[in-house]
C-alpha atoms as a PDB file:
ATOM      1  CA  MET A   1      21.611  94.831 213.908  1.00  0.00           C
ATOM      2  CA  THR A   2      25.272  94.078 213.746  1.00  0.00           C
ATOM      3  CA  MET A   3      25.888  95.490 217.039  1.00  0.00           C
ATOM      4  CA  THR A   4      22.954  93.446 218.676  1.00  0.00           C
ATOM      5  CA  ARG A   5      24.424  90.104 217.178  1.00  0.00           C
ATOM      6  CA  PHE A   6      27.857  90.940 218.527  1.00  0.00           C
ATOM      7  CA  ILE A   7      26.471  91.820 221.939  1.00  0.00           C
ATOM      8  CA  SER A   8      24.149  88.265 221.677  1.00  0.00           C
ATOM      9  CA  SER A   9      27.212  86.008 220.543  1.00  0.00           C
ATOM     10  CA  LEU A  10      29.198  87.420 223.426  1.00  0.00           C
ATOM     11  CA  LEU A  11      26.622  86.827 225.997  1.00  0.00           C
ATOM     12  CA  PHE A  12      26.169  83.386 224.827  1.00  0.00           C
ATOM     13  CA  SER A  13      30.046  82.370 224.543  1.00  0.00           C
ATOM     14  CA  SER A  14      30.432  83.948 227.861  1.00  0.00           C
ATOM     15  CA  ALA A  15      27.647  81.828 229.432  1.00  0.00           C
ATOM     16  CA  PHE A  16      29.088  78.635 227.692  1.00  0.00           C
ATOM     17  CA  ILE A  17      32.393  79.152 228.949  1.00  0.00           C
ATOM     18  CA  TRP A  18      30.900  80.097 232.737  1.00  0.00           C
ATOM     19  CA  VAL A  19      28.911  76.813 232.537  1.00  0.00           C
ATOM     20  CA  ALA A  20      31.952  74.752 231.351  1.00  0.00           C
ATOM     21  CA  VAL A  21      34.016  76.225 234.176  1.00  0.00           C
ATOM     22  CA  GLU A  22      31.417  76.183 237.015  1.00  0.00           C
ATOM     23  CA  PHE A  23      29.618  72.913 236.296  1.00  0.00           C
ATOM     24  CA  PHE A  24      32.034  70.396 234.312  1.00  0.00           C
ATOM     25  CA  ASP A  25      35.095  71.414 236.541  1.00  0.00           C
ATOM     26  CA  VAL A  26      37.200  72.855 233.590  1.00  0.00           C
ATOM     27  CA  GLU A  27      40.092  74.742 234.767  1.00  0.00           C
ATOM     28  CA  THR A  28      40.291  78.400 234.021  1.00  0.00           C
ATOM     29  CA  GLU A  29      43.990  78.043 232.816  1.00  0.00           C
ATOM     30  CA  VAL A  30      42.320  75.660 229.929  1.00  0.00           C
ATOM     31  CA  VAL A  31      39.841  78.665 229.161  1.00  0.00           C
ATOM     32  CA  TYR A  32      42.779  81.230 228.848  1.00  0.00           C
ATOM     33  CA  VAL A  33      44.808  79.023 226.691  1.00  0.00           C
ATOM     34  CA  LEU A  34      41.755  78.391 224.433  1.00  0.00           C
ATOM     35  CA  PHE A  35      41.281  82.258 224.392  1.00  0.00           C
ATOM     36  CA  ILE A  36      45.002  83.014 223.598  1.00  0.00           C
ATOM     37  CA  PHE A  37      45.049  80.391 220.735  1.00  0.00           C
ATOM     38  CA  SER A  38      41.549  81.688 219.450  1.00  0.00           C
ATOM     39  CA  LEU A  39      43.122  85.186 219.087  1.00  0.00           C
ATOM     40  CA  ILE A  40      46.232  83.924 217.360  1.00  0.00           C
ATOM     41  CA  LEU A  41      44.009  81.887 214.860  1.00  0.00           C
ATOM     42  CA  VAL A  42      42.121  84.801 214.154  1.00  0.00           C
ATOM     43  CA  GLY A  43      45.005  87.159 213.944  1.00  0.00           C
ATOM     44  CA  ALA A  44      46.638  84.828 211.259  1.00  0.00           C
ATOM     45  CA  ALA A  45      43.710  84.525 209.192  1.00  0.00           C
ATOM     46  CA  ILE A  46      43.365  88.342 208.910  1.00  0.00           C
ATOM     47  CA  VAL A  47      47.232  88.573 208.117  1.00  0.00           C
ATOM     48  CA  THR A  48      46.718  85.651 205.381  1.00  0.00           C
ATOM     49  CA  GLY A  49      43.665  87.688 204.015  1.00  0.00           C
ATOM     50  CA  LEU A  50      45.711  90.764 203.724  1.00  0.00           C
ATOM     51  CA  LEU A  51      48.558  89.381 201.919  1.00  0.00           C
ATOM     52  CA  ILE A  52      46.621  87.285 199.737  1.00  0.00           C
ATOM     53  CA  SER A  53      43.988  89.919 198.773  1.00  0.00           C
ATOM     54  CA  PRO A  54      46.068  92.028 196.467  1.00  0.00           C
ATOM     55  CA  LEU A  55      47.227  88.876 194.350  1.00  0.00           C
ATOM     56  CA  LEU A  56      43.636  87.878 193.972  1.00  0.00           C
ATOM     57  CA  ARG A  57      42.726  91.113 193.067  1.00  0.00           C
ATOM     58  CA  LYS A  58      45.357  91.178 190.385  1.00  0.00           C
ATOM     59  CA  ILE A  59      44.630  87.914 189.065  1.00  0.00           C
ATOM     60  CA  LEU A  60      40.601  88.581 188.870  1.00  0.00           C
ATOM     61  CA  GLN A  61      40.852  92.108 187.305  1.00  0.00           C
ATOM     62  CA  ARG A  62      43.248  91.179 184.414  1.00  0.00           C
ATOM     63  CA  PRO A  63      41.536  91.421 181.337  1.00  0.00           C
ATOM     64  CA  GLY A  64      41.027  88.436 179.165  1.00  0.00           C
ATOM     65  CA  SER A  65      41.853  85.977 182.007  1.00  0.00           C
ATOM     66  CA  SER A  66      38.671  83.897 182.143  1.00  0.00           C
ATOM     67  CA  LEU A  67      37.962  80.959 180.230  1.00  0.00           C
ATOM     68  CA  LEU A  68      34.641  82.581 178.994  1.00  0.00           C
ATOM     69  CA  SER A  69      36.357  85.568 177.661  1.00  0.00           C
ATOM     70  CA  GLN A  70      39.023  83.587 175.854  1.00  0.00           C
ATOM     71  CA  LEU A  71      36.246  81.218 174.115  1.00  0.00           C
ATOM     72  CA  ARG A  72      34.247  84.425 173.445  1.00  0.00           C
ATOM     73  CA  ALA A  73      37.512  86.033 171.557  1.00  0.00           C
ATOM     74  CA  GLU A  74      38.053  82.757 169.787  1.00  0.00           C
ATOM     75  CA  THR A  75      34.504  82.890 168.639  1.00  0.00           C
ATOM     76  CA  GLN A  76      34.891  86.303 167.455  1.00  0.00           C
ATOM     77  CA  GLU A  77      37.964  85.588 165.602  1.00  0.00           C
ATOM     78  CA  LEU A  78      36.503  82.678 163.960  1.00  0.00           C
ATOM     79  CA  ALA A  79      33.466  84.733 162.818  1.00  0.00           C
ATOM     80  CA  ASP A  80      35.730  87.426 161.515  1.00  0.00           C
ATOM     81  CA  ALA A  81      38.014  84.955 159.535  1.00  0.00           C
ATOM     82  CA  ASP A  82      37.743  84.582 155.788  1.00  0.00           C
ATOM     83  CA  ILE A  83      36.538  81.072 155.416  1.00  0.00           C
ATOM     84  CA  ASN A  84      36.736  79.696 151.823  1.00  0.00           C
ATOM     85  CA  VAL A  85      34.255  76.633 151.513  1.00  0.00           C
ATOM     86  CA  PRO A  86      33.930  75.204 147.919  1.00  0.00           C
ATOM     87  CA  PRO A  87      30.398  75.106 146.762  1.00  0.00           C
ATOM     88  CA  VAL A  88      28.413  71.879 146.460  1.00  0.00           C
ATOM     89  CA  ASP A  89      28.569  71.479 142.825  1.00  0.00           C
ATOM     90  CA  ASP A  90      32.099  72.198 142.224  1.00  0.00           C
ATOM     91  CA  PRO A  91      33.731  69.067 140.748  1.00  0.00           C
ATOM     92  CA  ALA A  92      37.181  69.897 142.302  1.00  0.00           C
ATOM     93  CA  GLY A  93      36.547  70.311 145.973  1.00  0.00           C
ATOM     94  CA  GLY A  94      32.507  69.376 146.488  1.00  0.00           C
ATOM     95  CA  PRO A  95      31.306  66.149 147.489  1.00  0.00           C
ATOM     96  CA  GLU A  96      30.492  63.507 144.832  1.00  0.00           C
ATOM     97  CA  VAL A  97      26.906  63.205 144.070  1.00  0.00           C
ATOM     98  CA  ASP A  98      25.363  60.123 142.233  1.00  0.00           C
ATOM     99  CA  PRO A  99      23.362  61.506 139.466  1.00  0.00           C
ATOM    100  CA  SER A 100      21.004  58.551 139.715  1.00  0.00           C
ATOM    101  CA  GLN A 101      19.839  59.775 143.110  1.00  0.00           C
ATOM    102  CA  SER A 102      18.849  63.285 142.016  1.00  0.00           C
ATOM    103  CA  SER A 103      15.742  63.228 144.225  1.00  0.00           C
ATOM    104  CA  LYS A 104      15.861  65.154 147.385  1.00  0.00           C
ATOM    105  CA  ASP A 105      13.869  63.155 149.380  1.00  0.00           C
ATOM    106  CA  GLY A 106      15.855  59.975 148.860  1.00  0.00           C
ATOM    107  CA  PRO A 107      15.457  56.850 146.227  1.00  0.00           C
ATOM    108  CA  GLY A 108      12.188  55.681 145.785  1.00  0.00           C
ATOM    109  CA  LEU A 109      10.477  58.234 147.701  1.00  0.00           C
ATOM    110  CA  ALA A 110       9.659  60.524 145.064  1.00  0.00           C
ATOM    111  CA  SER A 111       8.254  57.868 142.671  1.00  0.00           C
ATOM    112  CA  LYS A 112       4.466  56.965 142.428  1.00  0.00           C
ATOM    113  CA  ASP A 113       5.202  53.280 142.154  1.00  0.00           C
ATOM    114  CA  THR A 114       4.196  51.420 145.528  1.00  0.00           C
ATOM    115  CA  ALA A 115       5.605  47.922 144.357  1.00  0.00           C
ATOM    116  CA  PRO A 116       8.582  47.000 142.634  1.00  0.00           C
END
């Protein structure tokens, strides 16, 4: 499959260049320069990829380097930590509760009166 794609792209690009040279009066020297610059560009891309790939591999394979793994580690640390929260009815550290509003539903909701 890959070989057929290569051959078909080679044939179509050759036909494109032939049409440009034959019918649009493009000089063959321009085609040679384009071909040489294309080879230089592809070679530079290959060399750049070969030089950068070890660096990318090192960055991506380092454990705990991603943001998601750091968030998971912090969540695990919070879950493992001993958190001392004072109870609600503790007068030293709990929230103050008004004894006149002892109903859980709110003031006036638990009473049977419909009018004041």
